[in-house]
N, C-alpha and C. Protein backbone atom coordinates (compact mmCIF):
# COMPACT_ATOMS: atom_id res chain seq x y z
N MET A 1 40.58 85.40 50.24
CA MET A 1 39.50 84.52 49.87
C MET A 1 40.06 83.21 49.52
N LYS A 2 39.49 82.12 50.16
CA LYS A 2 40.06 80.81 50.02
C LYS A 2 39.49 80.16 48.76
N PHE A 3 40.34 79.47 47.95
CA PHE A 3 39.96 78.89 46.63
C PHE A 3 39.40 77.47 47.01
N LYS A 4 38.27 77.08 46.42
CA LYS A 4 37.64 75.84 46.63
C LYS A 4 37.65 75.03 45.24
N PRO A 5 38.55 74.24 44.93
CA PRO A 5 38.60 73.59 43.68
C PRO A 5 37.44 72.58 43.51
N TYR A 6 36.97 72.00 44.60
CA TYR A 6 35.90 71.00 44.38
C TYR A 6 34.59 71.71 43.95
N ALA A 7 34.42 72.98 44.28
CA ALA A 7 33.23 73.69 43.84
C ALA A 7 33.19 73.85 42.26
N ASN A 8 34.41 74.02 41.68
CA ASN A 8 34.43 74.05 40.19
C ASN A 8 34.14 72.70 39.59
N TYR A 9 34.67 71.66 40.20
CA TYR A 9 34.35 70.34 39.64
C TYR A 9 32.89 69.94 39.78
N LEU A 10 32.35 70.32 40.89
CA LEU A 10 30.95 70.06 41.14
C LEU A 10 30.05 70.75 40.14
N SER A 11 30.28 72.06 39.87
CA SER A 11 29.46 72.86 38.98
C SER A 11 29.75 72.29 37.56
N ALA A 12 31.00 72.02 37.15
CA ALA A 12 31.14 71.39 35.83
C ALA A 12 30.46 70.07 35.63
N GLY A 13 30.58 69.20 36.73
CA GLY A 13 29.83 67.93 36.65
C GLY A 13 28.40 68.07 36.53
N SER A 14 27.79 69.06 37.26
CA SER A 14 26.31 69.32 37.18
C SER A 14 25.90 69.69 35.74
N VAL A 15 26.76 70.59 35.14
CA VAL A 15 26.46 70.98 33.75
C VAL A 15 26.56 69.87 32.86
N MET A 16 27.49 69.01 32.92
CA MET A 16 27.65 67.83 32.05
C MET A 16 26.52 66.89 32.17
N ILE A 17 26.07 66.65 33.43
CA ILE A 17 24.94 65.68 33.63
C ILE A 17 23.72 66.28 33.06
N ALA A 18 23.49 67.60 33.24
CA ALA A 18 22.34 68.25 32.70
C ALA A 18 22.32 68.18 31.19
N GLY A 19 23.54 68.34 30.58
CA GLY A 19 23.62 68.29 29.11
C GLY A 19 23.40 66.95 28.60
N VAL A 20 23.87 65.87 29.26
CA VAL A 20 23.58 64.54 28.86
C VAL A 20 22.17 64.15 28.99
N ALA A 21 21.49 64.56 30.06
CA ALA A 21 20.12 64.45 30.31
C ALA A 21 19.18 65.08 29.26
N LEU A 22 19.55 66.32 28.85
CA LEU A 22 18.85 67.03 27.91
C LEU A 22 19.04 66.35 26.54
N GLY A 23 20.25 65.92 26.17
CA GLY A 23 20.53 65.31 24.95
C GLY A 23 19.68 64.02 24.82
N LEU A 24 19.70 63.17 25.80
CA LEU A 24 18.91 61.98 25.78
C LEU A 24 17.36 62.16 25.67
N PHE A 25 16.93 63.24 26.40
CA PHE A 25 15.48 63.56 26.32
C PHE A 25 15.07 64.05 24.83
N ALA A 26 15.95 64.84 24.29
CA ALA A 26 15.73 65.33 22.90
C ALA A 26 15.79 64.15 21.90
N THR A 27 16.62 63.21 22.10
CA THR A 27 16.82 62.05 21.23
C THR A 27 15.61 61.23 21.34
N LEU A 28 15.06 60.96 22.49
CA LEU A 28 13.93 60.15 22.74
C LEU A 28 12.65 60.78 22.09
N LEU A 29 12.64 62.04 22.24
CA LEU A 29 11.53 62.85 21.73
C LEU A 29 11.53 62.81 20.23
N SER A 30 12.74 62.90 19.60
CA SER A 30 12.71 62.81 18.13
C SER A 30 12.50 61.45 17.61
N LEU A 31 12.86 60.38 18.32
CA LEU A 31 12.55 58.99 17.92
C LEU A 31 11.07 58.69 17.99
N ASP A 32 10.35 59.36 18.82
CA ASP A 32 8.83 59.15 18.97
C ASP A 32 8.03 59.98 18.14
N SER A 33 8.63 60.92 17.38
CA SER A 33 7.89 61.82 16.57
C SER A 33 7.92 61.54 15.07
N GLY A 34 8.25 60.32 14.69
CA GLY A 34 8.23 60.03 13.23
C GLY A 34 9.58 59.55 12.71
N TYR A 35 9.71 59.55 11.49
CA TYR A 35 10.89 59.00 10.81
C TYR A 35 11.86 60.05 10.43
N GLY A 36 12.00 61.11 11.13
CA GLY A 36 13.02 62.08 10.82
C GLY A 36 12.46 63.16 9.96
N PHE A 37 13.28 63.57 8.99
CA PHE A 37 13.07 64.75 8.20
C PHE A 37 12.36 64.39 6.83
N ASP A 38 11.87 65.47 6.16
CA ASP A 38 11.30 65.44 4.86
C ASP A 38 10.11 64.56 4.72
N PRO A 39 9.07 64.70 5.55
CA PRO A 39 7.89 63.94 5.34
C PRO A 39 7.10 64.41 4.13
N LEU A 40 6.38 63.47 3.49
CA LEU A 40 5.50 63.72 2.37
C LEU A 40 4.06 63.65 2.87
N ARG A 41 3.39 64.79 2.76
CA ARG A 41 2.03 64.85 3.38
C ARG A 41 1.00 65.05 2.27
N ALA A 42 -0.12 64.46 2.46
CA ALA A 42 -1.44 64.52 1.59
C ALA A 42 -2.54 64.34 2.49
N GLY A 43 -3.09 65.53 2.98
CA GLY A 43 -4.27 65.47 3.91
C GLY A 43 -3.75 64.86 5.24
N PRO A 44 -4.45 63.75 5.73
CA PRO A 44 -4.06 63.19 6.93
C PRO A 44 -2.97 62.09 6.78
N TRP A 45 -2.62 61.82 5.57
CA TRP A 45 -1.61 60.83 5.20
C TRP A 45 -0.16 61.36 5.20
N THR A 46 0.75 60.70 5.79
CA THR A 46 2.18 61.00 5.82
C THR A 46 3.02 59.88 5.50
N ALA A 47 4.02 60.14 4.62
CA ALA A 47 5.03 59.10 4.30
C ALA A 47 6.41 59.77 4.49
N TRP A 48 7.35 58.82 4.54
CA TRP A 48 8.80 59.31 4.61
C TRP A 48 9.60 58.51 3.47
N PRO A 49 9.57 59.08 2.36
CA PRO A 49 10.19 58.43 1.21
C PRO A 49 11.64 57.96 1.34
N LYS A 50 12.44 58.68 2.16
CA LYS A 50 13.83 58.43 2.25
C LYS A 50 14.09 57.30 3.18
N VAL A 51 13.06 56.82 3.95
CA VAL A 51 13.32 55.68 4.89
C VAL A 51 13.88 54.45 4.26
N GLY A 52 13.35 54.14 3.06
CA GLY A 52 13.71 52.91 2.36
C GLY A 52 14.94 53.12 1.41
N GLY A 53 15.59 54.29 1.42
CA GLY A 53 16.64 54.47 0.53
C GLY A 53 17.97 54.66 1.22
N ALA A 54 19.03 54.85 0.33
CA ALA A 54 20.39 55.02 0.83
C ALA A 54 20.61 56.39 1.57
N ASP A 55 19.77 57.38 1.27
CA ASP A 55 19.88 58.72 1.84
C ASP A 55 19.07 58.87 3.15
N ILE A 56 18.85 57.79 3.83
CA ILE A 56 18.00 57.82 5.10
C ILE A 56 18.78 58.75 6.15
N ASP A 57 18.15 59.45 6.90
CA ASP A 57 18.82 60.33 7.85
C ASP A 57 19.07 59.51 9.19
N PRO A 58 19.98 59.95 10.03
CA PRO A 58 20.28 59.24 11.25
C PRO A 58 19.14 58.94 12.18
N TYR A 59 18.18 59.99 12.27
CA TYR A 59 17.05 59.74 13.16
C TYR A 59 16.13 58.73 12.65
N ALA A 60 15.89 58.70 11.34
CA ALA A 60 14.94 57.70 10.80
C ALA A 60 15.62 56.34 10.87
N ARG A 61 17.00 56.27 10.68
CA ARG A 61 17.66 54.93 10.84
C ARG A 61 17.53 54.50 12.21
N ALA A 62 17.60 55.29 13.13
CA ALA A 62 17.45 54.91 14.63
C ALA A 62 16.08 54.42 14.90
N VAL A 63 15.01 55.12 14.39
CA VAL A 63 13.62 54.70 14.57
C VAL A 63 13.42 53.22 13.97
N VAL A 64 13.86 53.09 12.71
CA VAL A 64 13.81 51.77 12.05
C VAL A 64 14.56 50.69 12.82
N SER A 65 15.66 51.02 13.28
CA SER A 65 16.40 50.01 14.09
C SER A 65 15.75 49.66 15.37
N ARG A 66 15.19 50.66 16.10
CA ARG A 66 14.46 50.38 17.29
C ARG A 66 13.27 49.61 17.13
N SER A 67 12.47 49.86 16.07
CA SER A 67 11.31 49.13 15.81
C SER A 67 11.49 47.72 15.11
N GLY A 68 12.53 47.61 14.51
CA GLY A 68 12.86 46.24 13.81
C GLY A 68 12.09 46.05 12.52
N GLU A 69 11.45 47.08 11.98
CA GLU A 69 10.70 46.94 10.75
C GLU A 69 11.63 46.91 9.54
N ALA A 70 11.11 46.39 8.51
CA ALA A 70 11.84 46.46 7.21
C ALA A 70 11.00 47.31 6.25
N PRO A 71 11.47 48.66 6.11
CA PRO A 71 10.59 49.57 5.27
C PRO A 71 10.78 49.21 3.79
N LEU A 72 9.74 49.74 3.09
CA LEU A 72 9.72 49.50 1.60
C LEU A 72 10.87 50.34 1.00
N GLY A 73 11.64 49.70 0.07
CA GLY A 73 12.72 50.40 -0.66
C GLY A 73 11.96 51.46 -1.52
N ARG A 74 12.71 52.52 -1.83
CA ARG A 74 12.22 53.61 -2.56
C ARG A 74 11.58 53.22 -3.96
N ASP A 75 12.19 52.20 -4.57
CA ASP A 75 11.75 51.72 -5.84
C ASP A 75 10.59 50.78 -5.70
N GLN A 76 10.34 50.29 -4.44
CA GLN A 76 9.23 49.28 -4.24
C GLN A 76 7.91 49.91 -4.06
N GLY A 77 7.96 51.10 -3.40
CA GLY A 77 6.69 51.76 -3.10
C GLY A 77 6.83 52.70 -1.93
N LEU A 78 5.65 53.15 -1.43
CA LEU A 78 5.57 54.08 -0.31
C LEU A 78 4.56 53.64 0.74
N ALA A 79 4.88 53.87 1.97
CA ALA A 79 4.00 53.54 3.08
C ALA A 79 3.54 54.84 3.68
N PHE A 80 2.21 55.08 3.62
CA PHE A 80 1.59 56.26 4.16
C PHE A 80 0.87 55.86 5.42
N VAL A 81 0.92 56.77 6.47
CA VAL A 81 0.27 56.58 7.70
C VAL A 81 -0.66 57.69 8.07
N ALA A 82 -1.93 57.40 8.51
CA ALA A 82 -2.83 58.39 8.95
C ALA A 82 -3.08 58.24 10.41
N ARG A 83 -2.84 59.30 11.24
CA ARG A 83 -3.03 59.25 12.67
C ARG A 83 -4.30 60.11 12.98
N ALA A 84 -4.85 60.65 11.96
CA ALA A 84 -6.02 61.55 12.21
C ALA A 84 -7.00 61.27 11.07
N ASP A 85 -8.32 61.73 11.26
CA ASP A 85 -9.29 61.59 10.18
C ASP A 85 -9.07 62.81 9.19
N SER A 86 -9.91 62.85 8.22
CA SER A 86 -9.72 63.85 7.23
C SER A 86 -10.06 65.25 7.70
N SER A 87 -10.73 65.33 8.85
CA SER A 87 -10.98 66.69 9.41
C SER A 87 -9.83 67.11 10.38
N GLY A 88 -8.85 66.16 10.62
CA GLY A 88 -7.78 66.58 11.43
C GLY A 88 -7.86 66.09 12.93
N ALA A 89 -8.97 65.38 13.24
CA ALA A 89 -9.12 64.92 14.64
C ALA A 89 -8.42 63.62 14.80
N PRO A 90 -7.76 63.32 15.87
CA PRO A 90 -6.99 62.09 16.09
C PRO A 90 -7.96 60.87 16.05
N LEU A 91 -7.46 59.79 15.46
CA LEU A 91 -8.29 58.53 15.31
C LEU A 91 -8.56 58.05 16.75
N ASP A 92 -9.79 57.55 16.98
CA ASP A 92 -10.19 57.12 18.32
C ASP A 92 -10.97 55.79 18.10
N ALA A 93 -10.52 54.76 18.78
CA ALA A 93 -11.16 53.38 18.62
C ALA A 93 -12.60 53.38 19.14
N ASP A 94 -13.03 54.45 19.89
CA ASP A 94 -14.38 54.48 20.36
C ASP A 94 -15.31 55.04 19.24
N CYS A 95 -14.77 55.50 18.18
CA CYS A 95 -15.51 56.06 17.11
C CYS A 95 -15.63 55.14 15.89
N GLU A 96 -16.59 55.39 15.13
CA GLU A 96 -16.76 54.59 13.82
C GLU A 96 -16.31 55.53 12.67
N TYR A 97 -15.63 54.88 11.71
CA TYR A 97 -15.15 55.69 10.52
C TYR A 97 -15.56 54.94 9.21
N ARG A 98 -15.53 55.73 8.19
CA ARG A 98 -15.67 55.18 6.83
C ARG A 98 -14.42 55.70 6.04
N ILE A 99 -13.70 54.69 5.37
CA ILE A 99 -12.57 55.04 4.56
C ILE A 99 -13.03 54.79 3.06
N VAL A 100 -13.09 55.81 2.36
CA VAL A 100 -13.60 55.80 0.98
C VAL A 100 -12.52 56.25 0.03
N ASP A 101 -12.66 55.52 -1.17
CA ASP A 101 -11.68 55.83 -2.22
C ASP A 101 -11.82 57.35 -2.63
N PRO A 102 -10.78 57.88 -3.41
CA PRO A 102 -9.97 57.39 -4.36
C PRO A 102 -8.66 56.92 -3.72
N LEU A 103 -7.82 56.34 -4.61
CA LEU A 103 -6.44 55.94 -4.26
C LEU A 103 -5.54 56.47 -5.36
N PRO A 104 -4.32 56.83 -4.95
CA PRO A 104 -3.33 57.23 -6.07
C PRO A 104 -2.98 55.92 -6.89
N ALA A 105 -2.54 56.25 -8.05
CA ALA A 105 -2.14 55.12 -8.97
C ALA A 105 -1.08 54.20 -8.31
N ALA A 106 -1.33 52.90 -8.34
CA ALA A 106 -0.31 51.96 -7.91
C ALA A 106 -0.71 50.56 -8.45
N ARG A 107 0.28 49.78 -8.75
CA ARG A 107 0.08 48.48 -9.30
C ARG A 107 -0.76 47.55 -8.21
N PHE A 108 -0.33 47.81 -6.95
CA PHE A 108 -0.98 46.98 -5.92
C PHE A 108 -0.98 47.88 -4.61
N TRP A 109 -1.99 47.69 -3.70
CA TRP A 109 -2.06 48.50 -2.51
C TRP A 109 -2.62 47.61 -1.39
N THR A 110 -2.25 48.00 -0.17
CA THR A 110 -2.86 47.38 1.03
C THR A 110 -3.22 48.50 1.96
N LEU A 111 -4.27 48.24 2.75
CA LEU A 111 -4.72 49.23 3.74
C LEU A 111 -5.09 48.34 5.03
N ALA A 112 -4.47 48.82 6.15
CA ALA A 112 -4.61 48.06 7.40
C ALA A 112 -4.66 48.97 8.58
N LEU A 113 -5.22 48.51 9.68
CA LEU A 113 -5.22 49.20 10.92
C LEU A 113 -3.99 48.62 11.76
N ALA A 114 -3.31 49.50 12.55
CA ALA A 114 -2.20 49.18 13.47
C ALA A 114 -2.27 49.97 14.69
N THR A 115 -1.43 49.53 15.74
CA THR A 115 -1.33 50.31 16.90
C THR A 115 -0.49 51.52 16.53
N ALA A 116 -0.41 52.53 17.40
CA ALA A 116 0.46 53.70 17.19
C ALA A 116 1.83 53.34 16.97
N GLU A 117 2.34 52.17 17.44
CA GLU A 117 3.70 51.74 17.25
C GLU A 117 3.84 50.94 15.93
N GLY A 118 2.82 50.76 15.24
CA GLY A 118 2.85 50.06 13.91
C GLY A 118 2.60 48.62 13.91
N ARG A 119 2.17 47.97 15.06
CA ARG A 119 1.92 46.56 15.16
C ARG A 119 0.39 46.34 14.81
N LEU A 120 0.19 45.17 14.18
CA LEU A 120 -1.14 44.81 13.77
C LEU A 120 -2.03 44.67 15.04
N ILE A 121 -3.32 44.96 15.00
CA ILE A 121 -4.19 45.06 16.15
C ILE A 121 -4.90 43.61 16.18
N ALA A 122 -4.85 42.92 17.25
CA ALA A 122 -5.64 41.63 17.37
C ALA A 122 -7.10 42.08 17.40
N ASN A 123 -7.84 41.28 16.66
CA ASN A 123 -9.36 41.58 16.65
C ASN A 123 -10.13 40.27 16.44
N PRO A 124 -11.43 40.18 16.86
CA PRO A 124 -12.15 38.95 16.84
C PRO A 124 -12.28 38.39 15.45
N ALA A 125 -12.32 39.21 14.41
CA ALA A 125 -12.47 38.69 12.99
C ALA A 125 -11.14 38.18 12.48
N GLU A 126 -10.10 38.49 13.08
CA GLU A 126 -8.80 38.16 12.55
C GLU A 126 -8.57 38.69 11.08
N ARG A 127 -9.20 39.84 10.84
CA ARG A 127 -9.09 40.58 9.49
C ARG A 127 -8.29 41.79 9.89
N TYR A 128 -7.05 41.93 9.35
CA TYR A 128 -6.18 42.98 9.65
C TYR A 128 -6.14 44.03 8.59
N GLY A 129 -6.52 43.76 7.38
CA GLY A 129 -6.49 44.75 6.38
C GLY A 129 -7.12 44.19 5.11
N TYR A 130 -7.06 45.10 3.99
CA TYR A 130 -7.59 44.81 2.74
C TYR A 130 -6.47 45.11 1.73
N SER A 131 -6.62 44.48 0.52
CA SER A 131 -5.60 44.82 -0.49
C SER A 131 -6.44 45.10 -1.80
N SER A 132 -5.81 45.58 -2.84
CA SER A 132 -6.44 45.89 -4.07
C SER A 132 -7.07 44.69 -4.79
N VAL A 133 -6.71 43.43 -4.38
CA VAL A 133 -7.39 42.32 -5.01
C VAL A 133 -8.38 41.64 -4.14
N ASP A 134 -8.56 41.96 -2.90
CA ASP A 134 -9.58 41.33 -2.08
C ASP A 134 -10.62 42.23 -1.43
N VAL A 135 -10.53 43.55 -1.73
CA VAL A 135 -11.57 44.47 -1.23
C VAL A 135 -12.79 44.36 -2.10
N LEU A 136 -13.96 44.45 -1.50
CA LEU A 136 -15.17 44.39 -2.18
C LEU A 136 -15.47 45.74 -2.84
N ARG A 137 -15.86 45.70 -4.07
CA ARG A 137 -16.07 47.00 -4.78
C ARG A 137 -17.53 47.10 -5.27
N ARG A 138 -17.90 48.37 -5.39
CA ARG A 138 -19.23 48.64 -6.00
C ARG A 138 -19.01 48.67 -7.45
N GLU A 139 -20.09 48.82 -8.15
CA GLU A 139 -20.12 48.88 -9.63
C GLU A 139 -19.28 50.16 -10.02
N GLY A 140 -18.41 50.10 -10.93
CA GLY A 140 -17.55 51.13 -11.27
C GLY A 140 -16.15 51.09 -10.55
N GLY A 141 -15.97 50.20 -9.60
CA GLY A 141 -14.70 49.98 -8.99
C GLY A 141 -14.45 50.67 -7.64
N ALA A 142 -15.47 51.51 -7.20
CA ALA A 142 -15.32 52.30 -5.93
C ALA A 142 -15.36 51.28 -4.78
N PHE A 143 -14.75 51.63 -3.63
CA PHE A 143 -14.86 50.89 -2.44
C PHE A 143 -15.10 51.74 -1.23
N GLU A 144 -15.48 51.06 -0.12
CA GLU A 144 -15.67 51.75 1.08
C GLU A 144 -15.32 50.73 2.15
N ILE A 145 -14.58 51.13 3.23
CA ILE A 145 -14.24 50.23 4.37
C ILE A 145 -14.77 50.83 5.61
N ALA A 146 -15.55 50.07 6.39
CA ALA A 146 -16.03 50.50 7.71
C ALA A 146 -15.03 50.15 8.76
N VAL A 147 -14.71 51.11 9.67
CA VAL A 147 -13.94 50.86 10.85
C VAL A 147 -14.81 51.07 12.05
N ALA A 148 -15.07 49.88 12.86
CA ALA A 148 -15.94 49.94 13.96
C ALA A 148 -15.69 48.71 14.81
N ARG A 149 -15.91 48.83 16.11
CA ARG A 149 -15.75 47.59 17.02
C ARG A 149 -16.70 46.47 16.63
N GLU A 150 -17.91 46.83 16.26
CA GLU A 150 -18.93 45.82 16.01
C GLU A 150 -18.90 45.59 14.48
N ALA A 151 -19.16 44.34 14.15
CA ALA A 151 -19.19 43.84 12.67
C ALA A 151 -20.06 44.65 11.88
N ARG A 152 -19.67 44.84 10.58
CA ARG A 152 -20.53 45.56 9.60
C ARG A 152 -20.48 44.64 8.32
N PRO A 153 -21.52 44.83 7.44
CA PRO A 153 -21.56 44.06 6.25
C PRO A 153 -20.51 44.67 5.29
N GLY A 154 -20.03 43.88 4.33
CA GLY A 154 -19.03 44.46 3.36
C GLY A 154 -17.66 44.51 3.95
N ASN A 155 -16.91 45.45 3.52
CA ASN A 155 -15.49 45.64 4.03
C ASN A 155 -15.53 46.25 5.45
N TRP A 156 -15.00 45.53 6.36
CA TRP A 156 -15.07 45.96 7.81
C TRP A 156 -13.80 45.62 8.48
N LEU A 157 -13.14 46.64 9.19
CA LEU A 157 -12.01 46.42 10.02
C LEU A 157 -12.36 46.87 11.45
N SER A 158 -11.87 46.03 12.40
CA SER A 158 -12.03 46.29 13.85
C SER A 158 -10.75 46.77 14.47
N PRO A 159 -10.86 47.85 15.24
CA PRO A 159 -9.72 48.33 16.02
C PRO A 159 -9.56 47.43 17.32
N GLY A 160 -10.34 46.32 17.43
CA GLY A 160 -10.09 45.44 18.52
C GLY A 160 -10.34 46.15 19.80
N GLY A 161 -9.49 45.85 20.78
CA GLY A 161 -9.45 46.38 22.14
C GLY A 161 -8.63 47.63 22.23
N ALA A 162 -7.97 48.04 21.17
CA ALA A 162 -7.11 49.23 21.24
C ALA A 162 -7.75 50.51 21.59
N ARG A 163 -7.06 51.44 22.27
CA ARG A 163 -7.65 52.65 22.64
C ARG A 163 -7.59 53.62 21.32
N GLY A 164 -6.34 53.62 20.70
CA GLY A 164 -6.16 54.43 19.54
C GLY A 164 -5.58 53.53 18.43
N PHE A 165 -5.54 54.01 17.21
CA PHE A 165 -4.98 53.22 16.09
C PHE A 165 -4.52 54.13 15.05
N ILE A 166 -3.81 53.61 14.13
CA ILE A 166 -3.44 54.32 12.88
C ILE A 166 -3.89 53.50 11.67
N VAL A 167 -4.08 54.20 10.52
CA VAL A 167 -4.30 53.45 9.27
C VAL A 167 -3.10 53.58 8.41
N VAL A 168 -2.63 52.37 7.95
CA VAL A 168 -1.50 52.28 7.08
C VAL A 168 -1.80 51.92 5.63
N LEU A 169 -1.44 52.76 4.80
CA LEU A 169 -1.68 52.61 3.35
C LEU A 169 -0.33 52.36 2.60
N ARG A 170 -0.21 51.21 2.03
CA ARG A 170 1.06 50.90 1.30
C ARG A 170 0.73 50.86 -0.21
N LEU A 171 1.44 51.67 -0.98
CA LEU A 171 1.34 51.70 -2.37
C LEU A 171 2.55 51.10 -3.00
N TYR A 172 2.38 49.97 -3.72
CA TYR A 172 3.48 49.29 -4.35
C TYR A 172 3.58 49.67 -5.78
N ASP A 173 4.81 49.86 -6.24
CA ASP A 173 5.06 50.23 -7.72
C ASP A 173 4.13 51.42 -8.06
N THR A 174 4.34 52.47 -7.39
CA THR A 174 3.44 53.67 -7.70
C THR A 174 4.24 54.70 -8.50
N PRO A 175 3.59 55.40 -9.45
CA PRO A 175 4.26 56.45 -10.16
C PRO A 175 4.23 57.83 -9.36
N LEU A 176 3.67 57.80 -8.16
CA LEU A 176 3.60 58.99 -7.36
C LEU A 176 4.92 59.70 -7.26
N ASP A 177 4.91 61.02 -7.60
CA ASP A 177 6.13 61.84 -7.67
C ASP A 177 6.40 62.24 -6.15
N VAL A 178 7.42 61.73 -5.65
CA VAL A 178 7.76 62.09 -4.22
C VAL A 178 8.52 63.37 -4.06
N GLU A 179 8.94 63.96 -5.13
CA GLU A 179 9.63 65.22 -5.14
C GLU A 179 8.65 66.47 -5.11
N SER A 180 7.39 66.15 -5.41
CA SER A 180 6.38 67.24 -5.43
C SER A 180 5.26 66.89 -4.41
N ASN A 181 4.45 67.84 -4.07
CA ASN A 181 3.37 67.63 -3.12
C ASN A 181 2.27 66.82 -3.78
N PRO A 182 1.98 65.62 -3.27
CA PRO A 182 0.81 64.80 -3.86
C PRO A 182 -0.49 65.58 -3.60
N ASP A 183 -1.42 65.32 -4.45
CA ASP A 183 -2.78 65.84 -4.28
C ASP A 183 -3.54 65.11 -3.21
N PRO A 184 -3.97 65.79 -2.11
CA PRO A 184 -4.71 65.12 -1.07
C PRO A 184 -6.03 64.54 -1.54
N ASN A 185 -6.58 65.07 -2.68
CA ASN A 185 -7.87 64.56 -3.23
C ASN A 185 -7.66 63.25 -3.80
N SER A 186 -6.44 62.79 -4.09
CA SER A 186 -6.25 61.48 -4.73
C SER A 186 -6.05 60.33 -3.68
N PHE A 187 -6.16 60.71 -2.41
CA PHE A 187 -6.02 59.78 -1.29
C PHE A 187 -7.33 59.44 -0.67
N PRO A 188 -7.39 58.30 0.02
CA PRO A 188 -8.69 57.92 0.66
C PRO A 188 -9.07 58.94 1.71
N LYS A 189 -10.36 59.18 1.90
CA LYS A 189 -10.92 60.06 2.91
C LYS A 189 -11.26 59.15 4.10
N ILE A 190 -10.93 59.64 5.22
CA ILE A 190 -11.24 58.99 6.52
C ILE A 190 -12.35 59.77 7.20
N VAL A 191 -13.57 59.35 7.20
CA VAL A 191 -14.65 60.20 7.67
C VAL A 191 -15.17 59.66 9.01
N LYS A 192 -15.30 60.47 10.04
CA LYS A 192 -15.80 60.03 11.32
C LYS A 192 -17.34 60.02 11.23
N LEU A 193 -17.94 58.88 11.74
CA LEU A 193 -19.41 58.83 11.64
C LEU A 193 -20.02 59.07 13.04
N ALA A 194 -19.63 58.35 14.07
CA ALA A 194 -20.20 58.57 15.40
C ALA A 194 -19.25 57.95 16.42
N CYS A 195 -19.35 58.39 17.66
CA CYS A 195 -18.60 57.91 18.70
C CYS A 195 -19.39 57.35 19.85
N ALA A 196 -18.89 56.45 20.57
CA ALA A 196 -19.63 55.76 21.71
C ALA A 196 -19.61 56.66 22.86
């Protein structure tokens, strides 16, 4: 039997190329699935408390580096993201939603719409979000924010021409305990009303 050394090199090279391709695919998949490990969940809301701290994991560091964002430091607050409504259905810009309080305790908060990549959505009203100081409130302090393409009276945010969107809730100087599971009932409800 004649020995063919090039066949061994060819099969070893094929295995190495397949390994590199699989590794790159797995890395890209993990970078597109969030900020790494240890998410903090409360209903449709998800935060990654370690992203702004010294104990950030390598995957979260890569996501932050790729996006160019400056995350909140752990002592500054938490950023929660909702990609689905309170029933678990993905958010759709062709649908109308109502975002209603309550909110976890925080000195200051902001609530905005963004693209799936986290960029603000251009819209005709040039209103990108609300904060605890400029949201219109009912008697007793409760609030409601409408999300729809067409203008609504009161607090209204438009998803603009985007197909999908996310809702970003930032809580500044919050006593929320990140080591335990937060109560989903203390977070805003995202209620789907109707779809076009």
